[in-house]
Amino acid sequence: MAQRVVVHGDVQGVGFRWWCSREASRLGLRGWVRNRQDGGVEALVEGDDDAVATMVDELRHGPRHAVVREFEVSDARPSGVPRFVVEP
């Protein structure tokens, strides 16, 4: 299973990508996370259905200092990356 998630709010400059990477690795997920030019953060998470669902739920809130105001989730094609990576 793969899901694309886009979050908006106070999500850049608060360690969101690094938090996301740690959570994804803890859950055994693959994919990527990156900052968007519009101030949001975008992630593709793929792996076991339950782990993906858990990660999507975690992304709804983000790390301690983030404020998620908008949240979008959609089905995605698996990227084929062998692990979870933080992109610029």
Foldseek 3Di string as FASTA:
>chain_A
DKKKKKFAFQQPPPCQQVQLQVLLVVLVWAWEKEADPVRIIMTMTDDDPVSNVVSLVQVCPTDDPTDTDDMDMDDDDDPPDPHYYYDD
